[in-house]
């Protein structure tokens, strides 16, 4: 997570924004000062990651209401799906964890 926050900080800095946003998102995206589109994307990613079988067409409505078109939604689904995939691969082969992450169930790091 820290490397993702660093990437977000770098992206925000490139655009001249306040890099404190990355820390707010890392702490809890629900309380971060996100715009409507980013908040809808975070909520969608959270739901797709935690309960993929429960997704319905209704889950797309907040994205559309925030201004995302079909191409943007498709792109988001691809990115979310890829990160879920690669995280499962990393878990399967027990990649080295970042220090703040809990150990694997077998106690390994």
Protein backbone atom coordinates (compact mmCIF):
# COMPACT_ATOMS: atom_id res chain seq x y z
CA UNK A 1 0.00 0.00 0.00
CA UNK A 2 2.80 2.41 0.78
CA UNK A 3 4.25 2.06 -2.70
CA UNK A 4 0.82 2.83 -4.17
CA UNK A 5 0.54 5.89 -1.93
CA UNK A 6 3.99 6.98 -3.14
CA UNK A 7 2.82 6.58 -6.74
CA UNK A 8 -0.28 8.64 -6.01
CA UNK A 9 1.82 11.33 -4.31
CA UNK A 10 4.09 11.52 -7.36
CA UNK A 11 1.10 11.74 -9.73
CA UNK A 12 -0.53 14.48 -7.65
CA UNK A 13 2.75 16.41 -7.43
CA UNK A 14 3.18 16.19 -11.22
CA UNK A 15 -0.21 17.84 -11.60
CA UNK A 16 0.64 20.51 -9.00
CA UNK A 17 -1.82 19.23 -6.41
CA UNK A 18 -1.69 18.75 -2.65
CA UNK A 19 0.17 15.51 -1.95
CA UNK A 20 -1.53 15.24 1.47
CA UNK A 21 -4.43 13.72 -0.46
CA UNK A 22 -2.40 10.52 -0.85
CA UNK A 23 -2.07 10.23 2.93
CA UNK A 24 -5.79 10.86 3.37
CA UNK A 25 -6.64 8.15 0.84
CA UNK A 26 -4.17 5.75 2.45
CA UNK A 27 -5.66 6.41 5.88
CA UNK A 28 -9.31 5.99 4.77
CA UNK A 29 -10.57 6.87 1.30
CA UNK A 30 -14.09 7.30 2.70
CA UNK A 31 -12.97 10.39 4.63
CA UNK A 32 -10.52 11.72 2.04
CA UNK A 33 -11.42 14.93 0.17
CA UNK A 34 -12.14 13.18 -3.13
CA UNK A 35 -14.21 14.51 -5.99
CA UNK A 36 -17.40 12.68 -6.96
CA UNK A 37 -15.77 10.57 -9.68
CA UNK A 38 -12.86 9.42 -7.50
CA UNK A 39 -15.20 8.68 -4.58
CA UNK A 40 -17.47 6.62 -6.86
CA UNK A 41 -14.45 4.76 -8.27
CA UNK A 42 -13.13 3.96 -4.80
CA UNK A 43 -16.52 2.68 -3.67
CA UNK A 44 -16.87 0.58 -6.82
CA UNK A 45 -13.34 -0.85 -6.45
CA UNK A 46 -13.99 -1.67 -2.81
CA UNK A 47 -17.22 -3.51 -3.61
CA UNK A 48 -15.79 -5.34 -6.64
CA UNK A 49 -12.79 -6.43 -4.60
CA UNK A 50 -14.68 -7.56 -1.52
CA UNK A 51 -17.90 -8.98 -3.00
CA UNK A 52 -17.46 -9.58 -6.75
CA UNK A 53 -20.34 -12.07 -6.97
CA UNK A 54 -22.74 -9.50 -5.51
CA UNK A 55 -22.11 -6.89 -8.24
CA UNK A 56 -25.16 -5.77 -10.22
CA UNK A 57 -25.91 -3.23 -12.94
CA UNK A 58 -27.03 -0.88 -10.18
CA UNK A 59 -23.40 -0.66 -9.03
CA UNK A 60 -22.63 1.23 -12.25
CA UNK A 61 -25.09 4.03 -11.53
CA UNK A 62 -22.87 6.01 -9.13
CA UNK A 63 -20.07 5.84 -11.70
CA UNK A 64 -22.35 7.12 -14.46
CA UNK A 65 -23.78 9.80 -12.15
CA UNK A 66 -20.20 10.96 -11.49
CA UNK A 67 -19.66 11.39 -15.23
CA UNK A 68 -17.91 8.18 -16.25
CA UNK A 69 -18.80 6.82 -19.66
CA UNK A 70 -18.69 3.18 -20.79
CA UNK A 71 -15.03 3.40 -21.85
CA UNK A 72 -13.96 4.86 -18.48
CA UNK A 73 -15.96 2.23 -16.60
CA UNK A 74 -14.44 -0.54 -18.71
CA UNK A 75 -10.96 0.83 -18.03
CA UNK A 76 -11.68 0.98 -14.29
CA UNK A 77 -12.95 -2.61 -14.23
CA UNK A 78 -9.81 -3.76 -16.07
CA UNK A 79 -7.48 -1.97 -13.61
CA UNK A 80 -9.41 -3.14 -10.54
CA UNK A 81 -9.48 -6.70 -11.88
CA UNK A 82 -5.77 -6.64 -12.67
CA UNK A 83 -4.83 -5.45 -9.18
CA UNK A 84 -7.04 -8.12 -7.61
CA UNK A 85 -5.41 -10.74 -9.84
CA UNK A 86 -1.83 -9.68 -9.15
CA UNK A 87 -2.49 -9.45 -5.40
CA UNK A 88 -3.73 -13.04 -5.42
CA UNK A 89 -0.66 -14.14 -7.35
CA UNK A 90 1.54 -12.34 -4.82
CA UNK A 91 -0.31 -14.01 -1.95
CA UNK A 92 0.02 -17.43 -3.61
CA UNK A 93 3.81 -17.19 -3.90
CA UNK A 94 4.28 -15.28 -0.63
CA UNK A 95 6.05 -12.24 -2.00
CA UNK A 96 7.91 -10.20 0.58
CA UNK A 97 5.40 -8.06 2.46
CA UNK A 98 5.74 -4.41 3.29
CA UNK A 99 6.60 -3.85 6.99
CA UNK A 100 3.16 -2.51 7.97
CA UNK A 101 1.31 -5.50 6.49
CA UNK A 102 0.27 -8.43 8.67
CA UNK A 103 2.16 -11.70 8.19
CA UNK A 104 0.75 -14.51 6.08
CA UNK A 105 -1.41 -17.03 8.02
CA UNK A 106 1.60 -19.35 8.37
CA UNK A 107 3.56 -16.51 10.03
CA UNK A 108 5.89 -15.90 7.11
CA UNK A 109 6.74 -12.44 5.82
